[in-house]
Amino acid sequence: MVKNSNLVKLATGTKKTAQKEVVKKEKVVEKILTPEEKRDLKAKETVKSLLTGVDLEIKDKSKEELLEIDTAPIPDDKGDMWLQEQVSLLSSENVNLRNELDVAKDSYAKIFAENQHIKSNAGTTNDGEIKGQVIKLFHELQANYMNMGKDQYTGEPNFRIVPGSFLNRLILFFPFLQQEKRF
């Protein structure tokens, strides 16, 4: 009956029961931001973070002090002596540069004269002699290659180049050596 007494009290209204408030949940609709709006929001946040601790109040301009600039000419402490010293230094440097230029011209003239001399005597050299000396060198290297670095007279090993590639390089520069190749 105890349970029924609660029902009777409820029905007669002698005891009020606590009612819970019904809270309606509102749907939060997030607006999709455009890239420009996102950039603006990010910029505002950055500005706020940068301006923390900065006083942005406008001060009364009448209280500010004015800074006056002195427009009077500055007296020339150095005078004409300094200017004369600078002119003499520049003049001496100019003379040194002209001397260096003359030396360079002289050395250029010597080099030019030597070049002309070499060009004029270039036709007088005997190509047969050069060819003979190159062939002699080629044969020595080829003999060294075939003997595998042994001295032809003593049979002891001597300094050895990798002659195969070297001989091929000589043939590349002097095509007439192709006739002398034996390896």
C-alpha atoms as a PDB file:
ATOM      1  CA  MET A   1       0.000   0.000   0.000  1.00  0.00           C
ATOM      2  CA  VAL A   2       2.857   2.232   0.349  1.00  0.00           C
ATOM      3  CA  LYS A   3       3.257   2.371  -3.339  1.00  0.00           C
ATOM      4  CA  ASN A   4      -0.410   3.172  -3.735  1.00  0.00           C
ATOM      5  CA  SER A   5      -0.214   6.029  -1.274  1.00  0.00           C
ATOM      6  CA  ASN A   6       2.242   7.767  -3.548  1.00  0.00           C
ATOM      7  CA  LEU A   7      -0.190   7.389  -6.349  1.00  0.00           C
ATOM      8  CA  VAL A   8      -3.012   8.794  -4.226  1.00  0.00           C
ATOM      9  CA  LYS A   9      -0.933  11.764  -3.230  1.00  0.00           C
ATOM     10  CA  LEU A  10      -0.034  12.316  -6.796  1.00  0.00           C
ATOM     11  CA  ALA A  11      -3.619  12.093  -7.890  1.00  0.00           C
ATOM     12  CA  THR A  12      -4.913  14.397  -5.163  1.00  0.00           C
ATOM     13  CA  GLY A  13      -2.111  16.841  -5.721  1.00  0.00           C
ATOM     14  CA  THR A  14      -1.118  17.046  -2.105  1.00  0.00           C
ATOM     15  CA  LYS A  15       2.535  16.418  -2.870  1.00  0.00           C
ATOM     16  CA  LYS A  16       4.087  18.044  -5.818  1.00  0.00           C
ATOM     17  CA  THR A  17       6.596  16.037  -7.706  1.00  0.00           C
ATOM     18  CA  ALA A  18       9.598  17.617  -9.284  1.00  0.00           C
ATOM     19  CA  GLN A  19       9.379  17.770 -12.997  1.00  0.00           C
ATOM     20  CA  LYS A  20      12.400  17.748 -15.160  1.00  0.00           C
ATOM     21  CA  GLU A  21      12.732  20.484 -17.641  1.00  0.00           C
ATOM     22  CA  VAL A  22      12.864  19.319 -21.164  1.00  0.00           C
ATOM     23  CA  VAL A  23      15.743  20.951 -22.963  1.00  0.00           C
ATOM     24  CA  LYS A  24      15.449  21.060 -26.680  1.00  0.00           C
ATOM     25  CA  LYS A  25      18.645  20.540 -28.470  1.00  0.00           C
ATOM     26  CA  GLU A  26      19.118  23.013 -31.196  1.00  0.00           C
ATOM     27  CA  LYS A  27      20.886  21.814 -34.235  1.00  0.00           C
ATOM     28  CA  VAL A  28      24.121  23.666 -34.696  1.00  0.00           C
ATOM     29  CA  VAL A  29      24.646  24.138 -38.350  1.00  0.00           C
ATOM     30  CA  GLU A  30      28.246  24.895 -39.162  1.00  0.00           C
ATOM     31  CA  LYS A  31      28.649  27.128 -42.100  1.00  0.00           C
ATOM     32  CA  ILE A  32      31.143  25.890 -44.621  1.00  0.00           C
ATOM     33  CA  LEU A  33      33.776  28.571 -44.951  1.00  0.00           C
ATOM     34  CA  THR A  34      35.358  29.547 -48.210  1.00  0.00           C
ATOM     35  CA  PRO A  35      39.157  29.718 -48.420  1.00  0.00           C
ATOM     36  CA  GLU A  36      38.978  33.525 -48.280  1.00  0.00           C
ATOM     37  CA  GLU A  37      36.924  33.424 -45.069  1.00  0.00           C
ATOM     38  CA  LYS A  38      39.286  30.875 -43.536  1.00  0.00           C
ATOM     39  CA  ARG A  39      42.227  33.097 -44.428  1.00  0.00           C
ATOM     40  CA  ASP A  40      40.476  36.141 -42.899  1.00  0.00           C
ATOM     41  CA  LEU A  41      39.733  34.246 -39.662  1.00  0.00           C
ATOM     42  CA  LYS A  42      43.307  33.025 -39.446  1.00  0.00           C
ATOM     43  CA  ALA A  43      44.576  36.571 -40.062  1.00  0.00           C
ATOM     44  CA  LYS A  44      42.320  37.946 -37.307  1.00  0.00           C
ATOM     45  CA  GLU A  45      43.580  35.330 -34.867  1.00  0.00           C
ATOM     46  CA  THR A  46      47.183  36.129 -35.764  1.00  0.00           C
ATOM     47  CA  VAL A  47      46.587  39.860 -35.320  1.00  0.00           C
ATOM     48  CA  LYS A  48      44.987  39.250 -31.928  1.00  0.00           C
ATOM     49  CA  SER A  49      47.904  37.120 -30.803  1.00  0.00           C
ATOM     50  CA  LEU A  50      50.409  39.708 -32.016  1.00  0.00           C
ATOM     51  CA  LEU A  51      48.612  42.616 -30.393  1.00  0.00           C
ATOM     52  CA  THR A  52      48.332  41.071 -26.954  1.00  0.00           C
ATOM     53  CA  GLY A  53      49.913  43.466 -24.475  1.00  0.00           C
ATOM     54  CA  VAL A  54      49.900  46.417 -26.875  1.00  0.00           C
ATOM     55  CA  ASP A  55      48.137  49.579 -25.774  1.00  0.00           C
ATOM     56  CA  LEU A  56      45.836  50.657 -28.600  1.00  0.00           C
ATOM     57  CA  GLU A  57      44.248  53.634 -26.900  1.00  0.00           C
ATOM     58  CA  ILE A  58      44.352  56.896 -28.827  1.00  0.00           C
ATOM     59  CA  LYS A  59      46.229  59.485 -26.866  1.00  0.00           C
ATOM     60  CA  ASP A  60      45.372  63.129 -26.821  1.00  0.00           C
ATOM     61  CA  LYS A  61      47.536  64.782 -29.461  1.00  0.00           C
ATOM     62  CA  SER A  62      47.737  68.026 -27.558  1.00  0.00           C
ATOM     63  CA  LYS A  63      49.803  66.337 -24.827  1.00  0.00           C
ATOM     64  CA  GLU A  64      52.427  64.984 -27.236  1.00  0.00           C
ATOM     65  CA  GLU A  65      55.691  66.846 -27.519  1.00  0.00           C
ATOM     66  CA  LEU A  66      56.836  68.034 -30.897  1.00  0.00           C
ATOM     67  CA  LEU A  67      60.263  67.192 -32.197  1.00  0.00           C
ATOM     68  CA  GLU A  68      61.949  70.109 -33.886  1.00  0.00           C
ATOM     69  CA  ILE A  69      64.582  69.556 -36.520  1.00  0.00           C
ATOM     70  CA  ASP A  70      67.443  71.980 -36.657  1.00  0.00           C
ATOM     71  CA  THR A  71      67.806  73.109 -40.266  1.00  0.00           C
ATOM     72  CA  ALA A  72      70.827  75.302 -39.626  1.00  0.00           C
ATOM     73  CA  PRO A  73      73.807  74.320 -41.785  1.00  0.00           C
ATOM     74  CA  ILE A  74      76.430  72.170 -40.094  1.00  0.00           C
ATOM     75  CA  PRO A  75      79.749  73.988 -39.823  1.00  0.00           C
ATOM     76  CA  ASP A  76      82.458  72.462 -42.014  1.00  0.00           C
ATOM     77  CA  ASP A  77      85.096  71.281 -39.540  1.00  0.00           C
ATOM     78  CA  LYS A  78      87.278  69.639 -42.174  1.00  0.00           C
ATOM     79  CA  GLY A  79      87.664  72.660 -44.374  1.00  0.00           C
ATOM     80  CA  ASP A  80      89.597  72.870 -47.601  1.00  0.00           C
ATOM     81  CA  MET A  81      92.605  70.933 -46.271  1.00  0.00           C
ATOM     82  CA  TRP A  82      90.655  67.689 -46.171  1.00  0.00           C
ATOM     83  CA  LEU A  83      89.383  68.206 -49.702  1.00  0.00           C
ATOM     84  CA  GLN A  84      92.905  68.885 -50.991  1.00  0.00           C
ATOM     85  CA  GLU A  85      94.193  65.709 -49.308  1.00  0.00           C
ATOM     86  CA  GLN A  86      91.441  63.644 -50.917  1.00  0.00           C
ATOM     87  CA  VAL A  87      92.178  65.099 -54.354  1.00  0.00           C
ATOM     88  CA  SER A  88      95.910  64.353 -53.982  1.00  0.00           C
ATOM     89  CA  LEU A  89      95.179  60.758 -52.892  1.00  0.00           C
ATOM     90  CA  LEU A  90      92.902  60.224 -55.881  1.00  0.00           C
ATOM     91  CA  SER A  91      95.480  61.743 -58.216  1.00  0.00           C
ATOM     92  CA  SER A  92      98.242  59.446 -56.945  1.00  0.00           C
ATOM     93  CA  GLU A  93      95.974  56.409 -57.279  1.00  0.00           C
ATOM     94  CA  ASN A  94      95.103  57.470 -60.827  1.00  0.00           C
ATOM     95  CA  VAL A  95      98.819  57.673 -61.684  1.00  0.00           C
ATOM     96  CA  ASN A  96      99.385  54.171 -60.254  1.00  0.00           C
ATOM     97  CA  LEU A  97      96.517  52.763 -62.313  1.00  0.00           C
ATOM     98  CA  ARG A  98      97.873  54.377 -65.479  1.00  0.00           C
ATOM     99  CA  ASN A  99     101.312  52.845 -64.791  1.00  0.00           C
ATOM    100  CA  GLU A 100      99.738  49.401 -64.319  1.00  0.00           C
ATOM    101  CA  LEU A 101      97.839  49.865 -67.578  1.00  0.00           C
ATOM    102  CA  ASP A 102     101.063  50.743 -69.409  1.00  0.00           C
ATOM    103  CA  VAL A 103     102.769  47.628 -68.011  1.00  0.00           C
ATOM    104  CA  ALA A 104      99.799  45.503 -69.093  1.00  0.00           C
ATOM    105  CA  LYS A 105      99.942  47.013 -72.589  1.00  0.00           C
ATOM    106  CA  ASP A 106     103.665  46.241 -72.821  1.00  0.00           C
ATOM    107  CA  SER A 107     103.189  42.622 -71.740  1.00  0.00           C
ATOM    108  CA  TYR A 108     100.279  42.260 -74.153  1.00  0.00           C
ATOM    109  CA  ALA A 109     102.445  43.632 -76.956  1.00  0.00           C
ATOM    110  CA  LYS A 110     105.193  41.080 -76.133  1.00  0.00           C
ATOM    111  CA  ILE A 111     102.715  38.204 -76.087  1.00  0.00           C
ATOM    112  CA  PHE A 112     101.217  39.397 -79.367  1.00  0.00           C
ATOM    113  CA  ALA A 113     104.685  39.601 -80.965  1.00  0.00           C
ATOM    114  CA  GLU A 114     105.563  36.057 -79.758  1.00  0.00           C
ATOM    115  CA  ASN A 115     102.274  34.744 -81.091  1.00  0.00           C
ATOM    116  CA  GLN A 116     102.911  36.347 -84.487  1.00  0.00           C
ATOM    117  CA  HIS A 117     106.433  34.845 -84.525  1.00  0.00           C
ATOM    118  CA  ILE A 118     105.091  31.378 -83.728  1.00  0.00           C
ATOM    119  CA  LYS A 119     102.402  31.699 -86.404  1.00  0.00           C
ATOM    120  CA  SER A 120     104.921  32.820 -89.004  1.00  0.00           C
ATOM    121  CA  ASN A 121     107.300  29.929 -88.178  1.00  0.00           C
ATOM    122  CA  ALA A 122     104.563  27.308 -87.876  1.00  0.00           C
ATOM    123  CA  GLY A 123     104.836  26.299 -91.529  1.00  0.00           C
ATOM    124  CA  THR A 124     108.596  25.730 -91.342  1.00  0.00           C
ATOM    125  CA  THR A 125     108.467  22.771 -88.943  1.00  0.00           C
ATOM    126  CA  ASN A 126     108.889  19.358 -90.509  1.00  0.00           C
ATOM    127  CA  ASP A 127     105.786  17.259 -89.981  1.00  0.00           C
ATOM    128  CA  GLY A 128     107.763  14.150 -90.922  1.00  0.00           C
ATOM    129  CA  GLU A 129     110.120  14.623 -87.973  1.00  0.00           C
ATOM    130  CA  ILE A 130     107.204  15.067 -85.568  1.00  0.00           C
ATOM    131  CA  LYS A 131     105.510  12.043 -87.038  1.00  0.00           C
ATOM    132  CA  GLY A 132     108.707   9.984 -86.655  1.00  0.00           C
ATOM    133  CA  GLN A 133     109.107  10.943 -82.987  1.00  0.00           C
ATOM    134  CA  VAL A 134     105.465  10.154 -82.207  1.00  0.00           C
ATOM    135  CA  ILE A 135     105.800   6.768 -83.919  1.00  0.00           C
ATOM    136  CA  LYS A 136     108.952   6.059 -81.889  1.00  0.00           C
ATOM    137  CA  LEU A 137     107.103   6.897 -78.641  1.00  0.00           C
ATOM    138  CA  PHE A 138     104.186   4.775 -79.729  1.00  0.00           C
ATOM    139  CA  HIS A 139     106.458   1.775 -80.375  1.00  0.00           C
ATOM    140  CA  GLU A 140     108.099   2.135 -76.962  1.00  0.00           C
ATOM    141  CA  LEU A 141     104.722   2.234 -75.227  1.00  0.00           C
ATOM    142  CA  GLN A 142     103.460  -0.670 -77.267  1.00  0.00           C
ATOM    143  CA  ALA A 143     106.540  -2.739 -76.393  1.00  0.00           C
ATOM    144  CA  ASN A 144     106.009  -1.899 -72.701  1.00  0.00           C
ATOM    145  CA  TYR A 145     102.407  -3.041 -73.016  1.00  0.00           C
ATOM    146  CA  MET A 146     103.296  -6.314 -74.677  1.00  0.00           C
ATOM    147  CA  ASN A 147     106.092  -7.069 -72.158  1.00  0.00           C
ATOM    148  CA  MET A 148     103.685  -6.282 -69.294  1.00  0.00           C
ATOM    149  CA  GLY A 149     105.927  -3.666 -67.767  1.00  0.00           C
ATOM    150  CA  LYS A 150     109.230  -5.566 -67.779  1.00  0.00           C
ATOM    151  CA  ASP A 151     112.420  -3.857 -68.809  1.00  0.00           C
ATOM    152  CA  GLN A 152     113.431  -5.304 -72.176  1.00  0.00           C
ATOM    153  CA  TYR A 153     117.110  -5.461 -71.216  1.00  0.00           C
ATOM    154  CA  THR A 154     117.035  -6.602 -67.564  1.00  0.00           C
ATOM    155  CA  GLY A 155     113.662  -8.324 -67.372  1.00  0.00           C
ATOM    156  CA  GLU A 156     112.849  -6.550 -64.091  1.00  0.00           C
ATOM    157  CA  PRO A 157     109.453  -4.922 -63.626  1.00  0.00           C
ATOM    158  CA  ASN A 158     109.433  -1.184 -64.146  1.00  0.00           C
ATOM    159  CA  PHE A 159     106.881   1.593 -63.924  1.00  0.00           C
ATOM    160  CA  ARG A 160     103.903   0.573 -65.982  1.00  0.00           C
ATOM    161  CA  ILE A 161     101.166   2.721 -67.442  1.00  0.00           C
ATOM    162  CA  VAL A 162      97.868   1.255 -68.482  1.00  0.00           C
ATOM    163  CA  PRO A 163      98.950   1.506 -72.067  1.00  0.00           C
ATOM    164  CA  GLY A 164      95.912   0.092 -73.826  1.00  0.00           C
ATOM    165  CA  SER A 165      93.761   3.104 -73.155  1.00  0.00           C
ATOM    166  CA  PHE A 166      96.745   5.427 -73.537  1.00  0.00           C
ATOM    167  CA  LEU A 167      97.625   3.982 -76.949  1.00  0.00           C
ATOM    168  CA  ASN A 168      94.020   4.269 -78.057  1.00  0.00           C
ATOM    169  CA  ARG A 169      94.052   7.892 -76.914  1.00  0.00           C
ATOM    170  CA  LEU A 170      97.220   8.503 -78.983  1.00  0.00           C
ATOM    171  CA  ILE A 171      95.504   6.951 -81.987  1.00  0.00           C
ATOM    172  CA  LEU A 172      92.543   9.233 -81.396  1.00  0.00           C
ATOM    173  CA  PHE A 173      94.808  12.306 -81.505  1.00  0.00           C
ATOM    174  CA  PHE A 174      97.149  11.023 -84.208  1.00  0.00           C
ATOM    175  CA  PRO A 175      95.111   8.981 -86.686  1.00  0.00           C
ATOM    176  CA  PHE A 176      98.203   7.914 -88.662  1.00  0.00           C
ATOM    177  CA  LEU A 177      99.129   5.656 -85.697  1.00  0.00           C
ATOM    178  CA  GLN A 178      96.287   3.300 -86.617  1.00  0.00           C
ATOM    179  CA  GLN A 179      98.634   1.743 -89.199  1.00  0.00           C
ATOM    180  CA  GLU A 180     101.196   0.986 -86.465  1.00  0.00           C
ATOM    181  CA  LYS A 181      98.763  -0.724 -84.068  1.00  0.00           C
ATOM    182  CA  ARG A 182      99.571  -4.392 -83.302  1.00  0.00           C
ATOM    183  CA  PHE A 183      97.379  -5.123 -80.241  1.00  0.00           C
END
